[in-house]
Amino acid sequence: AAGSASSPEATRAAGQKFRDLILS
């Protein structure tokens, strides 16, 4: 989800998990 080799799908999936567990 980070770095030049990141993908939109991996970024969105990781972000959602961080949102669900931490931010929300």
PDB file of all heavy atoms in Angstrom:
ATOM      1  N   ALA A   1       0.809  -1.220   0.000  1.00  0.00           N
ATOM      2  CA  ALA A   1       0.000   0.000   0.000  1.00  0.00           C
ATOM      3  C   ALA A   1       0.839   1.265   0.000  1.00  0.00           C
ATOM      4  O   ALA A   1       0.296   2.370   0.062  1.00  0.00           O
ATOM      5  CB  ALA A   1      -0.922   0.002   1.220  1.00  0.00           C
ATOM      6  N   ALA A   2       2.157   1.137  -0.051  1.00  0.00           N
ATOM      7  CA  ALA A   2       3.047   2.298  -0.060  1.00  0.00           C
ATOM      8  C   ALA A   2       4.246   1.973  -0.924  1.00  0.00           C
ATOM      9  O   ALA A   2       4.555   0.803  -1.168  1.00  0.00           O
ATOM     10  CB  ALA A   2       3.493   2.650   1.361  1.00  0.00           C
ATOM     11  N   GLY A   3       4.920   3.025  -1.386  1.00  0.00           N
ATOM     12  CA  GLY A   3       6.085   2.821  -2.229  1.00  0.00           C
ATOM     13  C   GLY A   3       5.720   2.805  -3.699  1.00  0.00           C
ATOM     14  O   GLY A   3       4.540   2.746  -4.083  1.00  0.00           O
ATOM     15  N   SER A   4       6.731   2.842  -4.540  1.00  0.00           N
ATOM     16  CA  SER A   4       6.508   2.944  -5.986  1.00  0.00           C
ATOM     17  C   SER A   4       5.801   1.720  -6.570  1.00  0.00           C
ATOM     18  O   SER A   4       5.170   1.805  -7.622  1.00  0.00           O
ATOM     19  CB  SER A   4       7.842   3.165  -6.697  1.00  0.00           C
ATOM     20  OG  SER A   4       8.762   2.138  -6.356  1.00  0.00           O
ATOM     21  N   ALA A   5       5.896   0.573  -5.883  1.00  0.00           N
ATOM     22  CA  ALA A   5       5.271  -0.645  -6.403  1.00  0.00           C
ATOM     23  C   ALA A   5       3.864  -0.871  -5.846  1.00  0.00           C
ATOM     24  O   ALA A   5       3.264  -1.917  -6.060  1.00  0.00           O
ATOM     25  CB  ALA A   5       6.149  -1.859  -6.078  1.00  0.00           C
ATOM     26  N   SER A   6       3.323   0.100  -5.130  1.00  0.00           N
ATOM     27  CA  SER A   6       2.003  -0.081  -4.526  1.00  0.00           C
ATOM     28  C   SER A   6       0.919  -0.135  -5.601  1.00  0.00           C
ATOM     29  O   SER A   6       1.077   0.390  -6.697  1.00  0.00           O
ATOM     30  CB  SER A   6       1.707   1.061  -3.557  1.00  0.00           C
ATOM     31  OG  SER A   6       1.662   2.294  -4.248  1.00  0.00           O
ATOM     32  N   SER A   7      -0.182  -0.760  -5.255  1.00  0.00           N
ATOM     33  CA  SER A   7      -1.309  -0.846  -6.184  1.00  0.00           C
ATOM     34  C   SER A   7      -2.522  -0.158  -5.572  1.00  0.00           C
ATOM     35  O   SER A   7      -2.664  -0.111  -4.345  1.00  0.00           O
ATOM     36  CB  SER A   7      -1.652  -2.306  -6.473  1.00  0.00           C
ATOM     37  OG  SER A   7      -2.252  -2.904  -5.338  1.00  0.00           O
ATOM     38  N   PRO A   8      -3.430   0.376  -6.416  1.00  0.00           N
ATOM     39  CA  PRO A   8      -4.634   1.020  -5.877  1.00  0.00           C
ATOM     40  C   PRO A   8      -5.468   0.079  -5.013  1.00  0.00           C
ATOM     41  O   PRO A   8      -6.009   0.489  -3.985  1.00  0.00           O
ATOM     42  CB  PRO A   8      -5.393   1.447  -7.143  1.00  0.00           C
ATOM     43  CG  PRO A   8      -4.343   1.577  -8.191  1.00  0.00           C
ATOM     44  CD  PRO A   8      -3.334   0.506  -7.880  1.00  0.00           C
ATOM     45  N   GLU A   9      -5.550  -1.191  -5.429  1.00  0.00           N
ATOM     46  CA  GLU A   9      -6.369  -2.151  -4.680  1.00  0.00           C
ATOM     47  C   GLU A   9      -5.782  -2.416  -3.293  1.00  0.00           C
ATOM     48  O   GLU A   9      -6.503  -2.430  -2.285  1.00  0.00           O
ATOM     49  CB  GLU A   9      -6.481  -3.467  -5.455  1.00  0.00           C
ATOM     50  CG  GLU A   9      -7.203  -3.364  -6.781  1.00  0.00           C
ATOM     51  CD  GLU A   9      -6.347  -2.748  -7.893  1.00  0.00           C
ATOM     52  OE1 GLU A   9      -5.101  -2.694  -7.723  1.00  0.00           O
ATOM     53  OE2 GLU A   9      -6.911  -2.311  -8.908  1.00  0.00           O
ATOM     54  N   ALA A  10      -4.451  -2.612  -3.245  1.00  0.00           N
ATOM     55  CA  ALA A  10      -3.800  -2.872  -1.958  1.00  0.00           C
ATOM     56  C   ALA A  10      -3.873  -1.650  -1.061  1.00  0.00           C
ATOM     57  O   ALA A  10      -4.080  -1.762   0.162  1.00  0.00           O
ATOM     58  CB  ALA A  10      -2.345  -3.281  -2.184  1.00  0.00           C
ATOM     59  N   THR A  11      -3.705  -0.471  -1.645  1.00  0.00           N
ATOM     60  CA  THR A  11      -3.776   0.771  -0.873  1.00  0.00           C
ATOM     61  C   THR A  11      -5.156   0.937  -0.259  1.00  0.00           C
ATOM     62  O   THR A  11      -5.281   1.246   0.935  1.00  0.00           O
ATOM     63  CB  THR A  11      -3.451   1.979  -1.771  1.00  0.00           C
ATOM     64  OG1 THR A  11      -2.134   1.827  -2.294  1.00  0.00           O
ATOM     65  CG2 THR A  11      -3.533   3.280  -0.993  1.00  0.00           C
ATOM     66  N   ARG A  12      -6.180   0.722  -1.055  1.00  0.00           N
ATOM     67  CA  ARG A  12      -7.546   0.900  -0.544  1.00  0.00           C
ATOM     68  C   ARG A  12      -7.880  -0.138   0.525  1.00  0.00           C
ATOM     69  O   ARG A  12      -8.523   0.184   1.537  1.00  0.00           O
ATOM     70  CB  ARG A  12      -8.528   0.788  -1.720  1.00  0.00           C
ATOM     71  CG  ARG A  12      -9.980   1.035  -1.327  1.00  0.00           C
ATOM     72  CD  ARG A  12     -10.217   2.492  -0.950  1.00  0.00           C
ATOM     73  NE  ARG A  12     -11.577   2.675  -0.450  1.00  0.00           N
ATOM     74  CZ  ARG A  12     -11.928   2.518   0.815  1.00  0.00           C
ATOM     75  NH1 ARG A  12     -11.023   2.220   1.734  1.00  0.00           N
ATOM     76  NH2 ARG A  12     -13.183   2.695   1.173  1.00  0.00           N
ATOM     77  N   ALA A  13      -7.434  -1.371   0.343  1.00  0.00           N
ATOM     78  CA  ALA A  13      -7.724  -2.428   1.325  1.00  0.00           C
ATOM     79  C   ALA A  13      -7.021  -2.144   2.648  1.00  0.00           C
ATOM     80  O   ALA A  13      -7.620  -2.287   3.729  1.00  0.00           O
ATOM     81  CB  ALA A  13      -7.289  -3.781   0.773  1.00  0.00           C
ATOM     82  N   ALA A  14      -5.756  -1.738   2.562  1.00  0.00           N
ATOM     83  CA  ALA A  14      -5.016  -1.437   3.787  1.00  0.00           C
ATOM     84  C   ALA A  14      -5.614  -0.223   4.484  1.00  0.00           C
ATOM     85  O   ALA A  14      -5.754  -0.185   5.717  1.00  0.00           O
ATOM     86  CB  ALA A  14      -3.540  -1.200   3.473  1.00  0.00           C
ATOM     87  N   GLY A  15      -5.969   0.806   3.691  1.00  0.00           N
ATOM     88  CA  GLY A  15      -6.565   2.000   4.271  1.00  0.00           C
ATOM     89  C   GLY A  15      -7.868   1.695   4.978  1.00  0.00           C
ATOM     90  O   GLY A  15      -8.139   2.220   6.062  1.00  0.00           O
ATOM     91  N   GLN A  16      -8.681   0.837   4.389  1.00  0.00           N
ATOM     92  CA  GLN A  16      -9.957   0.503   5.012  1.00  0.00           C
ATOM     93  C   GLN A  16      -9.742  -0.218   6.339  1.00  0.00           C
ATOM     94  O   GLN A  16     -10.460   0.038   7.316  1.00  0.00           O
ATOM     95  CB  GLN A  16     -10.797  -0.367   4.077  1.00  0.00           C
ATOM     96  CG  GLN A  16     -12.225  -0.577   4.566  1.00  0.00           C
ATOM     97  CD  GLN A  16     -13.000   0.732   4.650  1.00  0.00           C
ATOM     98  OE1 GLN A  16     -12.949   1.543   3.725  1.00  0.00           O
ATOM     99  NE2 GLN A  16     -13.711   0.940   5.756  1.00  0.00           N
ATOM    100  N   LYS A  17      -8.756  -1.101   6.381  1.00  0.00           N
ATOM    101  CA  LYS A  17      -8.496  -1.806   7.638  1.00  0.00           C
ATOM    102  C   LYS A  17      -8.000  -0.828   8.709  1.00  0.00           C
ATOM    103  O   LYS A  17      -8.428  -0.907   9.876  1.00  0.00           O
ATOM    104  CB  LYS A  17      -7.465  -2.923   7.428  1.00  0.00           C
ATOM    105  CG  LYS A  17      -7.268  -3.784   8.677  1.00  0.00           C
ATOM    106  CD  LYS A  17      -6.472  -5.049   8.389  1.00  0.00           C
ATOM    107  CE  LYS A  17      -6.407  -5.925   9.649  1.00  0.00           C
ATOM    108  NZ  LYS A  17      -5.673  -7.187   9.408  1.00  0.00           N
ATOM    109  N   PHE A  18      -7.129   0.096   8.317  1.00  0.00           N
ATOM    110  CA  PHE A  18      -6.647   1.097   9.276  1.00  0.00           C
ATOM    111  C   PHE A  18      -7.809   1.983   9.732  1.00  0.00           C
ATOM    112  O   PHE A  18      -7.912   2.325  10.914  1.00  0.00           O
ATOM    113  CB  PHE A  18      -5.552   1.942   8.620  1.00  0.00           C
ATOM    114  CG  PHE A  18      -4.813   2.829   9.588  1.00  0.00           C
ATOM    115  CD1 PHE A  18      -3.820   2.320  10.408  1.00  0.00           C
ATOM    116  CD2 PHE A  18      -5.111   4.183   9.673  1.00  0.00           C
ATOM    117  CE1 PHE A  18      -3.144   3.129  11.304  1.00  0.00           C
ATOM    118  CE2 PHE A  18      -4.444   5.010  10.564  1.00  0.00           C
ATOM    119  CZ  PHE A  18      -3.447   4.479  11.380  1.00  0.00           C
ATOM    120  N   ARG A  19      -8.683   2.329   8.812  1.00  0.00           N
ATOM    121  CA  ARG A  19      -9.855   3.130   9.169  1.00  0.00           C
ATOM    122  C   ARG A  19     -10.753   2.379  10.144  1.00  0.00           C
ATOM    123  O   ARG A  19     -11.189   2.933  11.162  1.00  0.00           O
ATOM    124  CB  ARG A  19     -10.633   3.486   7.896  1.00  0.00           C
ATOM    125  CG  ARG A  19     -11.930   4.240   8.139  1.00  0.00           C
ATOM    126  CD  ARG A  19     -12.614   4.613   6.822  1.00  0.00           C
ATOM    127  NE  ARG A  19     -13.899   5.252   7.058  1.00  0.00           N
ATOM    128  CZ  ARG A  19     -14.653   5.800   6.101  1.00  0.00           C
ATOM    129  NH1 ARG A  19     -14.230   5.782   4.841  1.00  0.00           N
ATOM    130  NH2 ARG A  19     -15.817   6.360   6.394  1.00  0.00           N
ATOM    131  N   ASP A  20     -11.017   1.103   9.848  1.00  0.00           N
ATOM    132  CA  ASP A  20     -11.926   0.318  10.687  1.00  0.00           C
ATOM    133  C   ASP A  20     -11.377   0.084  12.087  1.00  0.00           C
ATOM    134  O   ASP A  20     -12.119   0.156  13.076  1.00  0.00           O
ATOM    135  CB  ASP A  20     -12.222  -1.025  10.018  1.00  0.00           C
ATOM    136  CG  ASP A  20     -13.048  -0.892   8.749  1.00  0.00           C
ATOM    137  OD1 ASP A  20     -13.656   0.176   8.534  1.00  0.00           O
ATOM    138  OD2 ASP A  20     -13.067  -1.847   7.955  1.00  0.00           O
ATOM    139  N   LEU A  21     -10.085  -0.212  12.180  1.00  0.00           N
ATOM    140  CA  LEU A  21      -9.494  -0.585  13.468  1.00  0.00           C
ATOM    141  C   LEU A  21      -9.023   0.605  14.293  1.00  0.00           C
ATOM    142  O   LEU A  21      -9.059   0.559  15.527  1.00  0.00           O
ATOM    143  CB  LEU A  21      -8.310  -1.532  13.252  1.00  0.00           C
ATOM    144  CG  LEU A  21      -8.634  -2.924  12.714  1.00  0.00           C
ATOM    145  CD1 LEU A  21      -7.348  -3.705  12.483  1.00  0.00           C
ATOM    146  CD2 LEU A  21      -9.541  -3.674  13.689  1.00  0.00           C
ATOM    147  N   ILE A  22      -8.557   1.661  13.627  1.00  0.00           N
ATOM    148  CA  ILE A  22      -7.907   2.763  14.339  1.00  0.00           C
ATOM    149  C   ILE A  22      -8.708   4.056  14.239  1.00  0.00           C
ATOM    150  O   ILE A  22      -9.144   4.620  15.249  1.00  0.00           O
ATOM    151  CB  ILE A  22      -6.476   3.001  13.790  1.00  0.00           C
ATOM    152  CG1 ILE A  22      -5.660   1.693  13.774  1.00  0.00           C
ATOM    153  CG2 ILE A  22      -5.781   4.090  14.613  1.00  0.00           C
ATOM    154  CD1 ILE A  22      -5.385   1.093  15.121  1.00  0.00           C
ATOM    155  N   LEU A  23      -8.903   4.556  13.017  1.00  0.00           N
ATOM    156  CA  LEU A  23      -9.472   5.889  12.853  1.00  0.00           C
ATOM    157  C   LEU A  23     -10.920   5.982  13.309  1.00  0.00           C
ATOM    158  O   LEU A  23     -11.333   6.999  13.874  1.00  0.00           O
ATOM    159  CB  LEU A  23      -9.363   6.326  11.384  1.00  0.00           C
ATOM    160  CG  LEU A  23      -7.949   6.543  10.848  1.00  0.00           C
ATOM    161  CD1 LEU A  23      -7.996   6.847   9.358  1.00  0.00           C
ATOM    162  CD2 LEU A  23      -7.246   7.669  11.600  1.00  0.00           C
ATOM    163  N   SER A  24     -11.707   4.968  13.067  1.00  0.00           N
ATOM    164  CA  SER A  24     -13.140   5.071  13.334  1.00  0.00           C
ATOM    165  C   SER A  24     -13.509   4.801  14.781  1.00  0.00           C
ATOM    166  O   SER A  24     -14.591   5.176  15.222  1.00  0.00           O
ATOM    167  CB  SER A  24     -13.917   4.104  12.433  1.00  0.00           C
ATOM    168  OG  SER A  24     -13.691   2.763  12.839  1.00  0.00           O
TER     169      SER A  24
END
